Every structure is written in C-alpha cells, then in structure tokens.
C-alpha cells in the first residue's frame, strides 16, 4: 500500500513519527526517509528519526506498508515540539 499527501507543521521544531505495524512500514517526509521498518514482523512499535519542520509549511508525506500473511496492522502518529 502507498499513501501520499501533505502534512502541515503547526509549529517550528523537531518532529518524531511513531508507527505500529505488522509487517513492513516506511515513511518519507519532504523526500527524506525517516522511518524504515521494512521487515516481516508481528505487531510492533517503531520510532522514526526526528526531522526539523517549519511552522505553517506544508511537507509532502509518503507512507508505504506491506503485509506478508496473517494479521495486518498499520498505524502512525506524530509528536510536535
């Protein structure tokens, strides 16, 4: 699965994205790969590397996910500075 869109940073600072997936999950912000958990695994949490974003700016986001059998799960959230 591939999801694309934009995110709007509410304030300037360092952002971190958190995922919960079963199986592989990748996240790009502004064409920068910040999360690469592209493995077969049971439901697991993962934390991206932080990325600096500027308030009121829109950034392209790309999320990829795959399932290799069994249960399927894909969740993402983020924290603001």
PDB file of N, CA and C in Angstrom:
ATOM      1  N   UNK A   1       0.856  -1.160   0.000  1.00  0.00           N
ATOM      2  CA  UNK A   1       0.000   0.000   0.000  1.00  0.00           C
ATOM      3  C   UNK A   1       0.898   1.217   0.000  1.00  0.00           C
ATOM      4  N   UNK A   2       0.475   2.242  -0.712  1.00  0.00           N
ATOM      5  CA  UNK A   2       1.211   3.514  -0.701  1.00  0.00           C
ATOM      6  C   UNK A   2       0.212   4.648  -0.470  1.00  0.00           C
ATOM      7  N   UNK A   3       0.458   5.438   0.572  1.00  0.00           N
ATOM      8  CA  UNK A   3      -0.357   6.613   0.849  1.00  0.00           C
ATOM      9  C   UNK A   3       0.500   7.840   0.604  1.00  0.00           C
ATOM     10  N   UNK A   4      -0.082   8.871  -0.023  1.00  0.00           N
ATOM     11  CA  UNK A   4       0.626  10.123  -0.241  1.00  0.00           C
ATOM     12  C   UNK A   4      -0.268  11.279   0.186  1.00  0.00           C
ATOM     13  N   UNK A   5       0.354  12.373   0.515  1.00  0.00           N
ATOM     14  CA  UNK A   5      -0.391  13.563   0.903  1.00  0.00           C
ATOM     15  C   UNK A   5       0.554  14.638   1.372  1.00  0.00           C
ATOM     16  N   UNK A   6       0.046  15.508   2.231  1.00  0.00           N
ATOM     17  CA  UNK A   6       0.837  16.584   2.814  1.00  0.00           C
ATOM     18  C   UNK A   6       0.540  16.674   4.302  1.00  0.00           C
ATOM     19  N   UNK A   7       1.549  17.140   5.040  1.00  0.00           N
ATOM     20  CA  UNK A   7       1.325  17.474   6.440  1.00  0.00           C
ATOM     21  C   UNK A   7       1.614  18.956   6.605  1.00  0.00           C
ATOM     22  N   UNK A   8       0.931  19.582   7.531  1.00  0.00           N
ATOM     23  CA  UNK A   8       1.111  20.993   7.828  1.00  0.00           C
ATOM     24  C   UNK A   8       1.664  21.092   9.244  1.00  0.00           C
ATOM     25  N   UNK A   9       2.885  21.607   9.362  1.00  0.00           N
ATOM     26  CA  UNK A   9       3.514  21.715  10.678  1.00  0.00           C
ATOM     27  C   UNK A   9       2.864  22.849  11.468  1.00  0.00           C
ATOM     28  N   UNK A  10       2.309  22.563  12.654  1.00  0.00           N
ATOM     29  CA  UNK A  10       1.666  23.614  13.439  1.00  0.00           C
ATOM     30  C   UNK A  10       2.661  24.556  14.122  1.00  0.00           C
ATOM     31  N   UNK A  11       3.889  24.092  14.329  1.00  0.00           N
ATOM     32  CA  UNK A  11       4.916  24.936  14.929  1.00  0.00           C
ATOM     33  C   UNK A  11       6.294  24.488  14.458  1.00  0.00           C
ATOM     34  N   UNK A  12       7.265  25.362  14.571  1.00  0.00           N
ATOM     35  CA  UNK A  12       8.630  25.067  14.152  1.00  0.00           C
ATOM     36  C   UNK A  12       9.316  24.221  15.210  1.00  0.00           C
ATOM     37  N   UNK A  13      10.051  23.212  14.752  1.00  0.00           N
ATOM     38  CA  UNK A  13      10.802  22.387  15.679  1.00  0.00           C
ATOM     39  C   UNK A  13      11.038  20.994  15.144  1.00  0.00           C
ATOM     40  N   UNK A  14      11.429  20.112  16.047  1.00  0.00           N
ATOM     41  CA  UNK A  14      11.781  18.737  15.720  1.00  0.00           C
ATOM     42  C   UNK A  14      10.571  17.827  15.917  1.00  0.00           C
ATOM     43  N   UNK A  15      10.216  17.098  14.866  1.00  0.00           N
ATOM     44  CA  UNK A  15       9.063  16.205  14.881  1.00  0.00           C
ATOM     45  C   UNK A  15       9.525  14.754  14.840  1.00  0.00           C
ATOM     46  N   UNK A  16       8.799  13.900  15.549  1.00  0.00           N
ATOM     47  CA  UNK A  16       9.064  12.465  15.540  1.00  0.00           C
ATOM     48  C   UNK A  16       7.766  11.756  15.191  1.00  0.00           C
ATOM     49  N   UNK A  17       7.882  10.700  14.372  1.00  0.00           N
ATOM     50  CA  UNK A  17       6.731   9.914  13.953  1.00  0.00           C
ATOM     51  C   UNK A  17       6.832   8.528  14.578  1.00  0.00           C
ATOM     52  N   UNK A  18       5.690   7.989  14.983  1.00  0.00           N
ATOM     53  CA  UNK A  18       5.637   6.688  15.646  1.00  0.00           C
ATOM     54  C   UNK A  18       4.717   5.784  14.836  1.00  0.00           C
ATOM     55  N   UNK A  19       5.135   4.547  14.649  1.00  0.00           N
ATOM     56  CA  UNK A  19       4.321   3.607  13.889  1.00  0.00           C
ATOM     57  C   UNK A  19       4.074   2.344  14.702  1.00  0.00           C
ATOM     58  N   UNK A  20       2.987   1.692  14.361  1.00  0.00           N
ATOM     59  CA  UNK A  20       2.709   0.352  14.848  1.00  0.00           C
ATOM     60  C   UNK A  20       2.287  -0.420  13.615  1.00  0.00           C
ATOM     61  N   UNK A  21       3.007  -1.493  13.308  1.00  0.00           N
ATOM     62  CA  UNK A  21       2.713  -2.210  12.064  1.00  0.00           C
ATOM     63  C   UNK A  21       2.955  -3.702  12.203  1.00  0.00           C
ATOM     64  N   UNK A  22       2.355  -4.417  11.280  1.00  0.00           N
ATOM     65  CA  UNK A  22       2.545  -5.855  11.093  1.00  0.00           C
ATOM     66  C   UNK A  22       2.307  -6.064   9.595  1.00  0.00           C
ATOM     67  N   UNK A  23       3.208  -5.918   8.812  1.00  0.00           N
ATOM     68  CA  UNK A  23       4.646  -6.080   8.704  1.00  0.00           C
ATOM     69  C   UNK A  23       5.321  -4.725   8.350  1.00  0.00           C
ATOM     70  N   UNK A  24       5.927  -4.632   7.163  1.00  0.00           N
ATOM     71  CA  UNK A  24       6.800  -3.511   6.813  1.00  0.00           C
ATOM     72  C   UNK A  24       6.136  -2.149   6.732  1.00  0.00           C
ATOM     73  N   UNK A  25       6.904  -1.116   7.136  1.00  0.00           N
ATOM     74  CA  UNK A  25       6.417   0.259   7.164  1.00  0.00           C
ATOM     75  C   UNK A  25       7.575   1.193   6.850  1.00  0.00           C
ATOM     76  N   UNK A  26       7.355   2.164   5.943  1.00  0.00           N
ATOM     77  CA  UNK A  26       8.342   3.205   5.621  1.00  0.00           C
ATOM     78  C   UNK A  26       7.639   4.549   5.582  1.00  0.00           C
ATOM     79  N   UNK A  27       8.361   5.600   5.990  1.00  0.00           N
ATOM     80  CA  UNK A  27       7.798   6.957   5.975  1.00  0.00           C
ATOM     81  C   UNK A  27       8.838   7.919   5.416  1.00  0.00           C
ATOM     82  N   UNK A  28       8.412   8.717   4.436  1.00  0.00           N
ATOM     83  CA  UNK A  28       9.223   9.808   3.902  1.00  0.00           C
ATOM     84  C   UNK A  28       8.506  11.119   4.193  1.00  0.00           C
ATOM     85  N   UNK A  29       9.249  12.108   4.660  1.00  0.00           N
ATOM     86  CA  UNK A  29       8.742  13.467   4.820  1.00  0.00           C
ATOM     87  C   UNK A  29       9.639  14.360   3.976  1.00  0.00           C
ATOM     88  N   UNK A  30       9.033  15.140   3.085  1.00  0.00           N
ATOM     89  CA  UNK A  30       9.785  16.048   2.221  1.00  0.00           C
ATOM     90  C   UNK A  30      10.910  15.303   1.492  1.00  0.00           C
ATOM     91  N   UNK A  31      10.591  14.109   1.003  1.00  0.00           N
ATOM     92  CA  UNK A  31      11.519  13.250   0.253  1.00  0.00           C
ATOM     93  C   UNK A  31      12.698  12.738   1.077  1.00  0.00           C
ATOM     94  N   UNK A  32      12.587  12.792   2.400  1.00  0.00           N
ATOM     95  CA  UNK A  32      13.613  12.260   3.297  1.00  0.00           C
ATOM     96  C   UNK A  32      13.053  11.032   3.999  1.00  0.00           C
ATOM     97  N   UNK A  33      13.731   9.893   3.870  1.00  0.00           N
ATOM     98  CA  UNK A  33      13.304   8.671   4.545  1.00  0.00           C
ATOM     99  C   UNK A  33      13.604   8.805   6.036  1.00  0.00           C
ATOM    100  N   UNK A  34      12.543   8.811   6.865  1.00  0.00           N
ATOM    101  CA  UNK A  34      12.743   8.972   8.306  1.00  0.00           C
ATOM    102  C   UNK A  34      12.406   7.704   9.086  1.00  0.00           C
ATOM    103  N   UNK A  35      11.715   6.768   8.450  1.00  0.00           N
ATOM    104  CA  UNK A  35      11.347   5.501   9.108  1.00  0.00           C
ATOM    105  C   UNK A  35      11.488   4.379   8.097  1.00  0.00           C
ATOM    106  N   UNK A  36      12.268   3.363   8.433  1.00  0.00           N
ATOM    107  CA  UNK A  36      12.489   2.225   7.532  1.00  0.00           C
ATOM    108  C   UNK A  36      12.425   0.943   8.350  1.00  0.00           C
ATOM    109  N   UNK A  37      11.220   0.435   8.554  1.00  0.00           N
ATOM    110  CA  UNK A  37      10.980  -0.795   9.316  1.00  0.00           C
ATOM    111  C   UNK A  37      10.405  -1.810   8.343  1.00  0.00           C
ATOM    112  N   UNK A  38      11.154  -2.079   7.275  1.00  0.00           N
ATOM    113  CA  UNK A  38      10.716  -2.873   6.124  1.00  0.00           C
ATOM    114  C   UNK A  38      11.088  -4.334   6.328  1.00  0.00           C
ATOM    115  N   UNK A  39      10.444  -4.968   7.319  1.00  0.00           N
ATOM    116  CA  UNK A  39      10.720  -6.364   7.643  1.00  0.00           C
ATOM    117  C   UNK A  39       9.411  -7.087   7.921  1.00  0.00           C
ATOM    118  N   UNK A  40       9.445  -8.408   7.853  1.00  0.00           N
ATOM    119  CA  UNK A  40       8.323  -9.222   8.316  1.00  0.00           C
ATOM    120  C   UNK A  40       8.402  -9.265   9.840  1.00  0.00           C
ATOM    121  N   UNK A  41       7.315  -8.902  10.522  1.00  0.00           N
ATOM    122  CA  UNK A  41       7.314  -8.940  11.983  1.00  0.00           C
ATOM    123  C   UNK A  41       5.879  -8.958  12.502  1.00  0.00           C
ATOM    124  N   UNK A  42       5.735  -9.459  13.706  1.00  0.00           N
ATOM    125  CA  UNK A  42       4.458  -9.400  14.423  1.00  0.00           C
ATOM    126  C   UNK A  42       4.191  -7.934  14.754  1.00  0.00           C
ATOM    127  N   UNK A  43       2.982  -7.573  15.211  1.00  0.00           N
ATOM    128  CA  UNK A  43       2.719  -6.181  15.551  1.00  0.00           C
ATOM    129  C   UNK A  43       3.816  -5.615  16.447  1.00  0.00           C
ATOM    130  N   UNK A  44       4.384  -4.492  16.005  1.00  0.00           N
ATOM    131  CA  UNK A  44       5.498  -3.885  16.727  1.00  0.00           C
ATOM    132  C   UNK A  44       5.464  -2.378  16.569  1.00  0.00           C
ATOM    133  N   UNK A  45       5.968  -1.692  17.598  1.00  0.00           N
ATOM    134  CA  UNK A  45       6.094  -0.241  17.559  1.00  0.00           C
ATOM    135  C   UNK A  45       7.469   0.142  17.042  1.00  0.00           C
ATOM    136  N   UNK A  46       7.533   1.286  16.379  1.00  0.00           N
ATOM    137  CA  UNK A  46       8.794   1.796  15.875  1.00  0.00           C
ATOM    138  C   UNK A  46       8.768   3.317  15.951  1.00  0.00           C
ATOM    139  N   UNK A  47       9.933   3.918  16.126  1.00  0.00           N
ATOM    140  CA  UNK A  47      10.061   5.370  16.218  1.00  0.00           C
ATOM    141  C   UNK A  47      10.992   5.861  15.125  1.00  0.00           C
ATOM    142  N   UNK A  48      10.554   6.899  14.405  1.00  0.00           N
ATOM    143  CA  UNK A  48      11.367   7.456  13.329  1.00  0.00           C
ATOM    144  C   UNK A  48      12.501   8.289  13.894  1.00  0.00           C
ATOM    145  N   UNK A  49      13.430   8.619  13.018  1.00  0.00           N
ATOM    146  CA  UNK A  49      14.400   9.637  13.414  1.00  0.00           C
ATOM    147  C   UNK A  49      13.664  10.967  13.347  1.00  0.00           C
ATOM    148  N   UNK A  50      14.114  11.949  14.088  1.00  0.00           N
ATOM    149  CA  UNK A  50      13.454  13.255  14.117  1.00  0.00           C
ATOM    150  C   UNK A  50      13.759  14.038  12.850  1.00  0.00           C
ATOM    151  N   UNK A  51      12.840  14.943  12.497  1.00  0.00           N
ATOM    152  CA  UNK A  51      13.022  15.802  11.341  1.00  0.00           C
ATOM    153  C   UNK A  51      12.564  17.207  11.716  1.00  0.00           C
ATOM    154  N   UNK A  52      13.346  18.211  11.304  1.00  0.00           N
ATOM    155  CA  UNK A  52      13.021  19.609  11.585  1.00  0.00           C
ATOM    156  C   UNK A  52      12.002  20.098  10.566  1.00  0.00           C
ATOM    157  N   UNK A  53      10.893  20.678  11.071  1.00  0.00           N
ATOM    158  CA  UNK A  53       9.862  21.244  10.220  1.00  0.00           C
ATOM    159  C   UNK A  53       9.597  22.680  10.657  1.00  0.00           C
ATOM    160  N   UNK A  54       9.126  23.485   9.717  1.00  0.00           N
ATOM    161  CA  UNK A  54       8.862  24.902   9.958  1.00  0.00           C
ATOM    162  C   UNK A  54       7.364  25.155  10.031  1.00  0.00           C
ATOM    163  N   UNK A  55       6.952  25.957  10.998  1.00  0.00           N
ATOM    164  CA  UNK A  55       5.541  26.271  11.199  1.00  0.00           C
ATOM    165  C   UNK A  55       4.906  26.817   9.925  1.00  0.00           C
ATOM    166  N   UNK A  56       3.672  26.399   9.688  1.00  0.00           N
ATOM    167  CA  UNK A  56       2.833  26.855   8.571  1.00  0.00           C
ATOM    168  C   UNK A  56       3.333  26.394   7.205  1.00  0.00           C
ATOM    169  N   UNK A  57       4.319  25.519   7.170  1.00  0.00           N
ATOM    170  CA  UNK A  57       4.814  24.959   5.916  1.00  0.00           C
ATOM    171  C   UNK A  57       4.135  23.614   5.672  1.00  0.00           C
ATOM    172  N   UNK A  58       3.834  23.341   4.415  1.00  0.00           N
ATOM    173  CA  UNK A  58       3.303  22.035   4.017  1.00  0.00           C
ATOM    174  C   UNK A  58       4.456  21.175   3.505  1.00  0.00           C
ATOM    175  N   UNK A  59       4.457  19.915   3.908  1.00  0.00           N
ATOM    176  CA  UNK A  59       5.506  18.976   3.511  1.00  0.00           C
ATOM    177  C   UNK A  59       4.865  17.738   2.896  1.00  0.00           C
ATOM    178  N   UNK A  60       5.404  17.259   1.774  1.00  0.00           N
ATOM    179  CA  UNK A  60       4.875  16.023   1.216  1.00  0.00           C
ATOM    180  C   UNK A  60       5.197  14.857   2.146  1.00  0.00           C
ATOM    181  N   UNK A  61       4.246  13.938   2.263  1.00  0.00           N
ATOM    182  CA  UNK A  61       4.454  12.720   3.050  1.00  0.00           C
ATOM    183  C   UNK A  61       4.121  11.526   2.166  1.00  0.00           C
ATOM    184  N   UNK A  62       4.956  10.502   2.282  1.00  0.00           N
ATOM    185  CA  UNK A  62       4.750   9.234   1.576  1.00  0.00           C
ATOM    186  C   UNK A  62       4.899   8.129   2.610  1.00  0.00           C
ATOM    187  N   UNK A  63       3.904   7.254   2.679  1.00  0.00           N
ATOM    188  CA  UNK A  63       3.931   6.121   3.601  1.00  0.00           C
ATOM    189  C   UNK A  63       3.719   4.853   2.787  1.00  0.00           C
ATOM    190  N   UNK A  64       4.577   3.861   3.005  1.00  0.00           N
ATOM    191  CA  UNK A  64       4.420   2.552   2.360  1.00  0.00           C
ATOM    192  C   UNK A  64       4.267   1.488   3.433  1.00  0.00           C
ATOM    193  N   UNK A  65       3.463   0.478   3.109  1.00  0.00           N
ATOM    194  CA  UNK A  65       3.187  -0.611   4.038  1.00  0.00           C
ATOM    195  C   UNK A  65       3.000  -1.886   3.243  1.00  0.00           C
ATOM    196  N   UNK A  66       3.472  -3.006   3.778  1.00  0.00           N
ATOM    197  CA  UNK A  66       3.147  -4.304   3.174  1.00  0.00           C
ATOM    198  C   UNK A  66       2.798  -5.306   4.262  1.00  0.00           C
ATOM    199  N   UNK A  67       2.008  -6.283   3.885  1.00  0.00           N
ATOM    200  CA  UNK A  67       1.616  -7.395   4.760  1.00  0.00           C
ATOM    201  C   UNK A  67       2.046  -8.691   4.093  1.00  0.00           C
ATOM    202  N   UNK A  68       2.691  -9.579   4.842  1.00  0.00           N
ATOM    203  CA  UNK A  68       3.192 -10.835   4.284  1.00  0.00           C
ATOM    204  C   UNK A  68       2.436 -12.048   4.803  1.00  0.00           C
ATOM    205  N   UNK A  69       1.208 -11.879   5.244  1.00  0.00           N
ATOM    206  CA  UNK A  69       0.416 -13.016   5.713  1.00  0.00           C
ATOM    207  C   UNK A  69       0.010 -12.855   7.157  1.00  0.00           C
ATOM    208  N   UNK A  70      -1.082 -13.479   7.496  1.00  0.00           N
ATOM    209  CA  UNK A  70      -1.579 -13.383   8.870  1.00  0.00           C
ATOM    210  C   UNK A  70      -2.307 -12.073   9.081  1.00  0.00           C
ATOM    211  N   UNK A  71      -2.180 -11.546  10.279  1.00  0.00           N
ATOM    212  CA  UNK A  71      -2.854 -10.295  10.642  1.00  0.00           C
ATOM    213  C   UNK A  71      -2.216  -9.100   9.937  1.00  0.00           C
ATOM    214  N   UNK A  72      -2.969  -8.026   9.846  1.00  0.00           N
ATOM    215  CA  UNK A  72      -2.487  -6.809   9.205  1.00  0.00           C
ATOM    216  C   UNK A  72      -2.756  -5.624  10.109  1.00  0.00           C
ATOM    217  N   UNK A  73      -1.754  -4.755  10.264  1.00  0.00           N
ATOM    218  CA  UNK A  73      -1.889  -3.591  11.119  1.00  0.00           C
ATOM    219  C   UNK A  73      -1.008  -2.478  10.593  1.00  0.00           C
ATOM    220  N   UNK A  74      -1.506  -1.247  10.556  1.00  0.00           N
ATOM    221  CA  UNK A  74      -0.708  -0.096  10.128  1.00  0.00           C
ATOM    222  C   UNK A  74      -1.270   1.168  10.772  1.00  0.00           C
ATOM    223  N   UNK A  75      -0.519   1.720  11.714  1.00  0.00           N
ATOM    224  CA  UNK A  75      -0.920   2.934  12.421  1.00  0.00           C
ATOM    225  C   UNK A  75       0.263   3.894  12.454  1.00  0.00           C
ATOM    226  N   UNK A  76      -0.014   5.191  12.415  1.00  0.00           N
ATOM    227  CA  UNK A  76       1.051   6.178  12.524  1.00  0.00           C
ATOM    228  C   UNK A  76       0.536   7.385  13.297  1.00  0.00           C
ATOM    229  N   UNK A  77       1.404   7.962  14.110  1.00  0.00           N
ATOM    230  CA  UNK A  77       1.098   9.200  14.821  1.00  0.00           C
ATOM    231  C   UNK A  77       2.378  10.012  14.902  1.00  0.00           C
ATOM    232  N   UNK A  78       2.284  11.258  15.328  1.00  0.00           N
ATOM    233  CA  UNK A  78       3.463  12.110  15.425  1.00  0.00           C
ATOM    234  C   UNK A  78       3.412  12.962  16.669  1.00  0.00           C
ATOM    235  N   UNK A  79       4.582  13.446  17.076  1.00  0.00           N
ATOM    236  CA  UNK A  79       4.648  14.361  18.210  1.00  0.00           C
ATOM    237  C   UNK A  79       5.193  15.693  17.712  1.00  0.00           C
ATOM    238  N   UNK A  80       4.653  16.764  18.284  1.00  0.00           N
ATOM    239  CA  UNK A  80       5.126  18.095  17.917  1.00  0.00           C
ATOM    240  C   UNK A  80       6.113  18.578  18.966  1.00  0.00           C
ATOM    241  N   UNK A  81       6.908  19.578  18.603  1.00  0.00           N
ATOM    242  CA  UNK A  81       7.937  20.053  19.552  1.00  0.00           C
ATOM    243  C   UNK A  81       7.346  20.543  20.870  1.00  0.00           C
TER     244      UNK A  81
END
